[in-house]
Amino acid sequence: EGCGICSERGGDPGAMYYSLQKIRERVHPSVRV
């Protein structure tokens, strides 16, 4: 339904943006999450 919070120690919403793009690029759409 969403993604993890980025407001606690070490969190980084910019890094989260690129992590989700990495999942989009590397993982086949049929894979179950």
PDB file of all heavy atoms in Angstrom:
ATOM      1  N   GLU A   1       0.798  -1.213   0.000  1.00  0.00           N
ATOM      2  CA  GLU A   1       0.000   0.000   0.000  1.00  0.00           C
ATOM      3  C   GLU A   1       0.844   1.283   0.000  1.00  0.00           C
ATOM      4  O   GLU A   1       0.281   2.377  -0.064  1.00  0.00           O
ATOM      5  CB  GLU A   1      -0.904   0.017   1.244  1.00  0.00           C
ATOM      6  CG  GLU A   1      -1.703  -1.245   1.455  1.00  0.00           C
ATOM      7  CD  GLU A   1      -0.947  -2.326   2.246  1.00  0.00           C
ATOM      8  OE1 GLU A   1       0.287  -2.182   2.434  1.00  0.00           O
ATOM      9  OE2 GLU A   1      -1.589  -3.296   2.655  1.00  0.00           O
ATOM     10  N   GLY A   2       2.147   1.193   0.133  1.00  0.00           N
ATOM     11  CA  GLY A   2       2.960   2.397   0.218  1.00  0.00           C
ATOM     12  C   GLY A   2       4.428   2.068   0.350  1.00  0.00           C
ATOM     13  O   GLY A   2       4.917   1.079  -0.189  1.00  0.00           O
ATOM     14  N   CYS A   3       5.154   2.892   1.102  1.00  0.00           N
ATOM     15  CA  CYS A   3       6.566   2.635   1.358  1.00  0.00           C
ATOM     16  C   CYS A   3       6.884   3.055   2.786  1.00  0.00           C
ATOM     17  O   CYS A   3       6.087   3.701   3.455  1.00  0.00           O
ATOM     18  CB  CYS A   3       7.461   3.363   0.357  1.00  0.00           C
ATOM     19  SG  CYS A   3       7.511   5.166   0.531  1.00  0.00           S
ATOM     20  N   GLY A   4       8.069   2.685   3.250  1.00  0.00           N
ATOM     21  CA  GLY A   4       8.439   2.930   4.631  1.00  0.00           C
ATOM     22  C   GLY A   4       8.662   4.404   4.937  1.00  0.00           C
ATOM     23  O   GLY A   4       8.987   5.205   4.056  1.00  0.00           O
ATOM     24  N   ILE A   5       8.499   4.747   6.200  1.00  0.00           N
ATOM     25  CA  ILE A   5       8.755   6.119   6.625  1.00  0.00           C
ATOM     26  C   ILE A   5      10.238   6.439   6.466  1.00  0.00           C
ATOM     27  O   ILE A   5      11.099   5.565   6.518  1.00  0.00           O
ATOM     28  CB  ILE A   5       8.294   6.361   8.075  1.00  0.00           C
ATOM     29  CG1 ILE A   5       9.050   5.445   9.048  1.00  0.00           C
ATOM     30  CG2 ILE A   5       6.794   6.190   8.198  1.00  0.00           C
ATOM     31  CD1 ILE A   5       8.803   5.783  10.503  1.00  0.00           C
ATOM     32  N   CYS A   6      10.519   7.711   6.283  1.00  0.00           N
ATOM     33  CA  CYS A   6      11.900   8.172   6.085  1.00  0.00           C
ATOM     34  C   CYS A   6      12.275   9.261   7.075  1.00  0.00           C
ATOM     35  O   CYS A   6      13.222  10.013   6.852  1.00  0.00           O
ATOM     36  CB  CYS A   6      12.069   8.691   4.658  1.00  0.00           C
ATOM     37  SG  CYS A   6      11.660   7.497   3.379  1.00  0.00           S
ATOM     38  N   SER A   7      11.524   9.364   8.159  1.00  0.00           N
ATOM     39  CA  SER A   7      11.676  10.472   9.097  1.00  0.00           C
ATOM     40  C   SER A   7      12.449  10.101  10.352  1.00  0.00           C
ATOM     41  O   SER A   7      12.749  10.976  11.167  1.00  0.00           O
ATOM     42  CB  SER A   7      10.293  10.998   9.494  1.00  0.00           C
ATOM     43  OG  SER A   7       9.483   9.937   9.981  1.00  0.00           O
ATOM     44  N   GLU A   8      12.785   8.827  10.527  1.00  0.00           N
ATOM     45  CA  GLU A   8      13.553   8.429  11.698  1.00  0.00           C
ATOM     46  C   GLU A   8      15.043   8.482  11.387  1.00  0.00           C
ATOM     47  O   GLU A   8      15.450   8.749  10.243  1.00  0.00           O
ATOM     48  CB  GLU A   8      13.124   7.035  12.152  1.00  0.00           C
ATOM     49  CG  GLU A   8      11.678   6.988  12.633  1.00  0.00           C
ATOM     50  CD  GLU A   8      11.277   5.642  13.201  1.00  0.00           C
ATOM     51  OE1 GLU A   8      12.019   4.663  13.005  1.00  0.00           O
ATOM     52  OE2 GLU A   8      10.201   5.580  13.837  1.00  0.00           O
ATOM     53  N   ARG A   9      15.862   8.238  12.386  1.00  0.00           N
ATOM     54  CA  ARG A   9      17.326   8.330  12.244  1.00  0.00           C
ATOM     55  C   ARG A   9      17.804   7.519  11.035  1.00  0.00           C
ATOM     56  O   ARG A   9      17.489   6.344  10.911  1.00  0.00           O
ATOM     57  CB  ARG A   9      18.001   7.825  13.516  1.00  0.00           C
ATOM     58  CG  ARG A   9      19.515   7.905  13.453  1.00  0.00           C
ATOM     59  CD  ARG A   9      20.134   7.431  14.739  1.00  0.00           C
ATOM     60  NE  ARG A   9      21.577   7.295  14.598  1.00  0.00           N
ATOM     61  CZ  ARG A   9      22.284   6.244  15.004  1.00  0.00           C
ATOM     62  NH1 ARG A   9      21.673   5.217  15.579  1.00  0.00           N
ATOM     63  NH2 ARG A   9      23.584   6.219  14.826  1.00  0.00           N
ATOM     64  N   GLY A  10      18.553   8.158  10.160  1.00  0.00           N
ATOM     65  CA  GLY A  10      19.084   7.491   8.983  1.00  0.00           C
ATOM     66  C   GLY A  10      18.142   7.465   7.806  1.00  0.00           C
ATOM     67  O   GLY A  10      18.524   7.011   6.721  1.00  0.00           O
ATOM     68  N   GLY A  11      16.908   7.917   7.975  1.00  0.00           N
ATOM     69  CA  GLY A  11      15.959   7.919   6.876  1.00  0.00           C
ATOM     70  C   GLY A  11      16.293   8.976   5.837  1.00  0.00           C
ATOM     71  O   GLY A  11      16.854  10.027   6.154  1.00  0.00           O
ATOM     72  N   ASP A  12      15.933   8.706   4.581  1.00  0.00           N
ATOM     73  CA  ASP A  12      16.282   9.612   3.489  1.00  0.00           C
ATOM     74  C   ASP A  12      15.261   9.424   2.373  1.00  0.00           C
ATOM     75  O   ASP A  12      15.307   8.436   1.636  1.00  0.00           O
ATOM     76  CB  ASP A  12      17.686   9.297   2.973  1.00  0.00           C
ATOM     77  CG  ASP A  12      18.157  10.230   1.873  1.00  0.00           C
ATOM     78  OD1 ASP A  12      17.305  10.863   1.211  1.00  0.00           O
ATOM     79  OD2 ASP A  12      19.377  10.324   1.662  1.00  0.00           O
ATOM     80  N   PRO A  13      14.298  10.359   2.233  1.00  0.00           N
ATOM     81  CA  PRO A  13      13.259  10.172   1.217  1.00  0.00           C
ATOM     82  C   PRO A  13      13.801  10.205  -0.214  1.00  0.00           C
ATOM     83  O   PRO A  13      13.245   9.550  -1.100  1.00  0.00           O
ATOM     84  CB  PRO A  13      12.292  11.327   1.478  1.00  0.00           C
ATOM     85  CG  PRO A  13      13.123  12.359   2.180  1.00  0.00           C
ATOM     86  CD  PRO A  13      14.106  11.597   3.009  1.00  0.00           C
ATOM     87  N   GLY A  14      14.879  10.954  -0.452  1.00  0.00           N
ATOM     88  CA  GLY A  14      15.484  10.940  -1.775  1.00  0.00           C
ATOM     89  C   GLY A  14      16.043   9.574  -2.114  1.00  0.00           C
ATOM     90  O   GLY A  14      15.874   9.067  -3.233  1.00  0.00           O
ATOM     91  N   ALA A  15      16.709   8.952  -1.133  1.00  0.00           N
ATOM     92  CA  ALA A  15      17.217   7.595  -1.335  1.00  0.00           C
ATOM     93  C   ALA A  15      16.070   6.617  -1.547  1.00  0.00           C
ATOM     94  O   ALA A  15      16.177   5.688  -2.359  1.00  0.00           O
ATOM     95  CB  ALA A  15      18.073   7.173  -0.143  1.00  0.00           C
ATOM     96  N   MET A  16      14.955   6.811  -0.832  1.00  0.00           N
ATOM     97  CA  MET A  16      13.797   5.928  -1.009  1.00  0.00           C
ATOM     98  C   MET A  16      13.269   6.023  -2.438  1.00  0.00           C
ATOM     99  O   MET A  16      12.917   5.004  -3.055  1.00  0.00           O
ATOM    100  CB  MET A  16      12.698   6.285  -0.011  1.00  0.00           C
ATOM    101  CG  MET A  16      11.431   5.453  -0.146  1.00  0.00           C
ATOM    102  SD  MET A  16      11.659   3.711   0.272  1.00  0.00           S
ATOM    103  CE  MET A  16      11.508   3.792   2.077  1.00  0.00           C
ATOM    104  N   TYR A  17      13.204   7.225  -2.979  1.00  0.00           N
ATOM    105  CA  TYR A  17      12.744   7.402  -4.361  1.00  0.00           C
ATOM    106  C   TYR A  17      13.569   6.537  -5.307  1.00  0.00           C
ATOM    107  O   TYR A  17      13.021   5.805  -6.146  1.00  0.00           O
ATOM    108  CB  TYR A  17      12.847   8.869  -4.749  1.00  0.00           C
ATOM    109  CG  TYR A  17      12.574   9.130  -6.208  1.00  0.00           C
ATOM    110  CD1 TYR A  17      11.272   9.192  -6.697  1.00  0.00           C
ATOM    111  CD2 TYR A  17      13.631   9.312  -7.105  1.00  0.00           C
ATOM    112  CE1 TYR A  17      11.016   9.418  -8.041  1.00  0.00           C
ATOM    113  CE2 TYR A  17      13.390   9.545  -8.448  1.00  0.00           C
ATOM    114  CZ  TYR A  17      12.085   9.596  -8.911  1.00  0.00           C
ATOM    115  OH  TYR A  17      11.843   9.811 -10.246  1.00  0.00           O
ATOM    116  N   TYR A  18      14.898   6.601  -5.177  1.00  0.00           N
ATOM    117  CA  TYR A  18      15.759   5.844  -6.077  1.00  0.00           C
ATOM    118  C   TYR A  18      15.721   4.353  -5.786  1.00  0.00           C
ATOM    119  O   TYR A  18      15.880   3.533  -6.710  1.00  0.00           O
ATOM    120  CB  TYR A  18      17.175   6.395  -6.031  1.00  0.00           C
ATOM    121  CG  TYR A  18      17.278   7.708  -6.764  1.00  0.00           C
ATOM    122  CD1 TYR A  18      17.378   8.908  -6.058  1.00  0.00           C
ATOM    123  CD2 TYR A  18      17.231   7.764  -8.149  1.00  0.00           C
ATOM    124  CE1 TYR A  18      17.430  10.116  -6.721  1.00  0.00           C
ATOM    125  CE2 TYR A  18      17.284   8.975  -8.821  1.00  0.00           C
ATOM    126  CZ  TYR A  18      17.393  10.142  -8.110  1.00  0.00           C
ATOM    127  OH  TYR A  18      17.434  11.346  -8.786  1.00  0.00           O
ATOM    128  N   SER A  19      15.479   3.970  -4.552  1.00  0.00           N
ATOM    129  CA  SER A  19      15.348   2.542  -4.235  1.00  0.00           C
ATOM    130  C   SER A  19      14.118   1.950  -4.909  1.00  0.00           C
ATOM    131  O   SER A  19      14.155   0.836  -5.432  1.00  0.00           O
ATOM    132  CB  SER A  19      15.273   2.343  -2.719  1.00  0.00           C
ATOM    133  OG  SER A  19      16.528   2.607  -2.122  1.00  0.00           O
ATOM    134  N   LEU A  20      13.012   2.685  -4.904  1.00  0.00           N
ATOM    135  CA  LEU A  20      11.817   2.182  -5.578  1.00  0.00           C
ATOM    136  C   LEU A  20      12.032   2.114  -7.089  1.00  0.00           C
ATOM    137  O   LEU A  20      11.550   1.181  -7.752  1.00  0.00           O
ATOM    138  CB  LEU A  20      10.609   3.045  -5.239  1.00  0.00           C
ATOM    139  CG  LEU A  20      10.170   3.058  -3.775  1.00  0.00           C
ATOM    140  CD1 LEU A  20       8.842   3.806  -3.626  1.00  0.00           C
ATOM    141  CD2 LEU A  20      10.056   1.668  -3.191  1.00  0.00           C
ATOM    142  N   GLN A  21      12.765   3.076  -7.641  1.00  0.00           N
ATOM    143  CA  GLN A  21      13.083   2.994  -9.064  1.00  0.00           C
ATOM    144  C   GLN A  21      13.973   1.783  -9.360  1.00  0.00           C
ATOM    145  O   GLN A  21      13.829   1.134 -10.405  1.00  0.00           O
ATOM    146  CB  GLN A  21      13.766   4.284  -9.531  1.00  0.00           C
ATOM    147  CG  GLN A  21      12.936   5.551  -9.358  1.00  0.00           C
ATOM    148  CD  GLN A  21      11.516   5.411  -9.885  1.00  0.00           C
ATOM    149  OE1 GLN A  21      11.304   5.009 -11.036  1.00  0.00           O
ATOM    150  NE2 GLN A  21      10.538   5.734  -9.048  1.00  0.00           N
ATOM    151  N   LYS A  22      14.881   1.469  -8.457  1.00  0.00           N
ATOM    152  CA  LYS A  22      15.736   0.295  -8.631  1.00  0.00           C
ATOM    153  C   LYS A  22      14.900  -0.983  -8.641  1.00  0.00           C
ATOM    154  O   LYS A  22      15.121  -1.874  -9.479  1.00  0.00           O
ATOM    155  CB  LYS A  22      16.777   0.229  -7.503  1.00  0.00           C
ATOM    156  CG  LYS A  22      17.719  -0.964  -7.606  1.00  0.00           C
ATOM    157  CD  LYS A  22      18.601  -1.103  -6.370  1.00  0.00           C
ATOM    158  CE  LYS A  22      19.685  -0.084  -6.350  1.00  0.00           C
ATOM    159  NZ  LYS A  22      20.682  -0.368  -5.265  1.00  0.00           N
ATOM    160  N   ILE A  23      13.938  -1.085  -7.728  1.00  0.00           N
ATOM    161  CA  ILE A  23      13.056  -2.255  -7.714  1.00  0.00           C
ATOM    162  C   ILE A  23      12.286  -2.335  -9.029  1.00  0.00           C
ATOM    163  O   ILE A  23      12.162  -3.414  -9.634  1.00  0.00           O
ATOM    164  CB  ILE A  23      12.106  -2.194  -6.506  1.00  0.00           C
ATOM    165  CG1 ILE A  23      12.903  -2.379  -5.206  1.00  0.00           C
ATOM    166  CG2 ILE A  23      11.007  -3.260  -6.622  1.00  0.00           C
ATOM    167  CD1 ILE A  23      12.091  -2.135  -3.940  1.00  0.00           C
ATOM    168  N   ARG A  24      11.763  -1.217  -9.496  1.00  0.00           N
ATOM    169  CA  ARG A  24      11.037  -1.176 -10.762  1.00  0.00           C
ATOM    170  C   ARG A  24      11.909  -1.707 -11.903  1.00  0.00           C
ATOM    171  O   ARG A  24      11.443  -2.473 -12.755  1.00  0.00           O
ATOM    172  CB  ARG A  24      10.603   0.251 -11.069  1.00  0.00           C
ATOM    173  CG  ARG A  24       9.852   0.394 -12.397  1.00  0.00           C
ATOM    174  CD  ARG A  24       9.836   1.840 -12.860  1.00  0.00           C
ATOM    175  NE  ARG A  24       9.123   2.708 -11.957  1.00  0.00           N
ATOM    176  CZ  ARG A  24       7.812   2.927 -11.994  1.00  0.00           C
ATOM    177  NH1 ARG A  24       7.071   2.332 -12.904  1.00  0.00           N
ATOM    178  NH2 ARG A  24       7.253   3.757 -11.150  1.00  0.00           N
ATOM    179  N   GLU A  25      13.182  -1.328 -11.916  1.00  0.00           N
ATOM    180  CA  GLU A  25      14.073  -1.677 -13.023  1.00  0.00           C
ATOM    181  C   GLU A  25      14.593  -3.110 -12.942  1.00  0.00           C
ATOM    182  O   GLU A  25      14.788  -3.762 -13.970  1.00  0.00           O
ATOM    183  CB  GLU A  25      15.250  -0.703 -13.049  1.00  0.00           C
ATOM    184  CG  GLU A  25      14.857   0.720 -13.416  1.00  0.00           C
ATOM    185  CD  GLU A  25      15.965   1.722 -13.131  1.00  0.00           C
ATOM    186  OE1 GLU A  25      17.067   1.294 -12.708  1.00  0.00           O
ATOM    187  OE2 GLU A  25      15.726   2.936 -13.327  1.00  0.00           O
ATOM    188  N   ARG A  26      14.800  -3.609 -11.724  1.00  0.00           N
ATOM    189  CA  ARG A  26      15.497  -4.889 -11.576  1.00  0.00           C
ATOM    190  C   ARG A  26      14.577  -6.091 -11.383  1.00  0.00           C
ATOM    191  O   ARG A  26      14.985  -7.228 -11.623  1.00  0.00           O
ATOM    192  CB  ARG A  26      16.451  -4.833 -10.366  1.00  0.00           C
ATOM    193  CG  ARG A  26      17.669  -3.963 -10.560  1.00  0.00           C
ATOM    194  CD  ARG A  26      18.664  -4.288  -9.461  1.00  0.00           C
ATOM    195  NE  ARG A  26      19.782  -3.359  -9.436  1.00  0.00           N
ATOM    196  CZ  ARG A  26      20.755  -3.406  -8.542  1.00  0.00           C
ATOM    197  NH1 ARG A  26      20.736  -4.344  -7.592  1.00  0.00           N
ATOM    198  NH2 ARG A  26      21.744  -2.534  -8.568  1.00  0.00           N
ATOM    199  N   VAL A  27      13.369  -5.862 -10.925  1.00  0.00           N
ATOM    200  CA  VAL A  27      12.500  -6.970 -10.521  1.00  0.00           C
ATOM    201  C   VAL A  27      11.413  -7.171 -11.570  1.00  0.00           C
ATOM    202  O   VAL A  27      10.752  -6.211 -11.995  1.00  0.00           O
ATOM    203  CB  VAL A  27      11.880  -6.692  -9.133  1.00  0.00           C
ATOM    204  CG1 VAL A  27      10.969  -7.837  -8.711  1.00  0.00           C
ATOM    205  CG2 VAL A  27      12.992  -6.487  -8.094  1.00  0.00           C
ATOM    206  N   HIS A  28      11.191  -8.416 -11.944  1.00  0.00           N
ATOM    207  CA  HIS A  28      10.170  -8.722 -12.954  1.00  0.00           C
ATOM    208  C   HIS A  28       8.782  -8.429 -12.384  1.00  0.00           C
ATOM    209  O   HIS A  28       8.512  -8.703 -11.209  1.00  0.00           O
ATOM    210  CB  HIS A  28      10.266 -10.194 -13.364  1.00  0.00           C
ATOM    211  CG  HIS A  28       9.483 -10.514 -14.601  1.00  0.00           C
ATOM    212  ND1 HIS A  28       8.127 -10.785 -14.566  1.00  0.00           N
ATOM    213  CD2 HIS A  28       9.860 -10.583 -15.900  1.00  0.00           C
ATOM    214  CE1 HIS A  28       7.699 -11.013 -15.791  1.00  0.00           C
ATOM    215  NE2 HIS A  28       8.724 -10.901 -16.626  1.00  0.00           N
ATOM    216  N   PRO A  29       7.889  -7.883 -13.190  1.00  0.00           N
ATOM    217  CA  PRO A  29       6.557  -7.530 -12.680  1.00  0.00           C
ATOM    218  C   PRO A  29       5.761  -8.696 -12.102  1.00  0.00           C
ATOM    219  O   PRO A  29       4.860  -8.477 -11.282  1.00  0.00           O
ATOM    220  CB  PRO A  29       5.853  -6.953 -13.918  1.00  0.00           C
ATOM    221  CG  PRO A  29       6.952  -6.461 -14.787  1.00  0.00           C
ATOM    222  CD  PRO A  29       8.085  -7.408 -14.572  1.00  0.00           C
ATOM    223  N   SER A  30       6.076  -9.934 -12.503  1.00  0.00           N
ATOM    224  CA  SER A  30       5.325 -11.080 -11.994  1.00  0.00           C
ATOM    225  C   SER A  30       5.770 -11.531 -10.606  1.00  0.00           C
ATOM    226  O   SER A  30       5.099 -12.343  -9.962  1.00  0.00           O
ATOM    227  CB  SER A  30       5.444 -12.261 -12.961  1.00  0.00           C
ATOM    228  OG  SER A  30       6.786 -12.735 -13.011  1.00  0.00           O
ATOM    229  N   VAL A  31       6.902 -11.012 -10.133  1.00  0.00           N
ATOM    230  CA  VAL A  31       7.420 -11.398  -8.815  1.00  0.00           C
ATOM    231  C   VAL A  31       6.463 -10.919  -7.728  1.00  0.00           C
ATOM    232  O   VAL A  31       5.894  -9.824  -7.805  1.00  0.00           O
ATOM    233  CB  VAL A  31       8.835 -10.817  -8.620  1.00  0.00           C
ATOM    234  CG1 VAL A  31       9.263 -10.866  -7.157  1.00  0.00           C
ATOM    235  CG2 VAL A  31       9.841 -11.572  -9.488  1.00  0.00           C
ATOM    236  N   ARG A  32       6.309 -11.744  -6.705  1.00  0.00           N
ATOM    237  CA  ARG A  32       5.405 -11.411  -5.601  1.00  0.00           C
ATOM    238  C   ARG A  32       6.171 -10.735  -4.468  1.00  0.00           C
ATOM    239  O   ARG A  32       7.266 -11.162  -4.111  1.00  0.00           O
ATOM    240  CB  ARG A  32       4.672 -12.659  -5.110  1.00  0.00           C
ATOM    241  CG  ARG A  32       3.738 -13.213  -6.188  1.00  0.00           C
ATOM    242  CD  ARG A  32       2.807 -14.285  -5.677  1.00  0.00           C
ATOM    243  NE  ARG A  32       1.901 -14.703  -6.744  1.00  0.00           N
ATOM    244  CZ  ARG A  32       0.747 -14.105  -7.025  1.00  0.00           C
ATOM    245  NH1 ARG A  32       0.350 -13.063  -6.304  1.00  0.00           N
ATOM    246  NH2 ARG A  32      -0.012 -14.534  -8.019  1.00  0.00           N
ATOM    247  N   VAL A  33       5.580  -9.694  -3.917  1.00  0.00           N
ATOM    248  CA  VAL A  33       6.229  -8.833  -2.931  1.00  0.00           C
ATOM    249  C   VAL A  33       5.772  -9.231  -1.530  1.00  0.00           C
ATOM    250  O   VAL A  33       4.567  -9.261  -1.243  1.00  0.00           O
ATOM    251  CB  VAL A  33       5.901  -7.349  -3.216  1.00  0.00           C
ATOM    252  CG1 VAL A  33       6.524  -6.453  -2.147  1.00  0.00           C
ATOM    253  CG2 VAL A  33       6.385  -6.962  -4.615  1.00  0.00           C
TER     254      VAL A  33
END
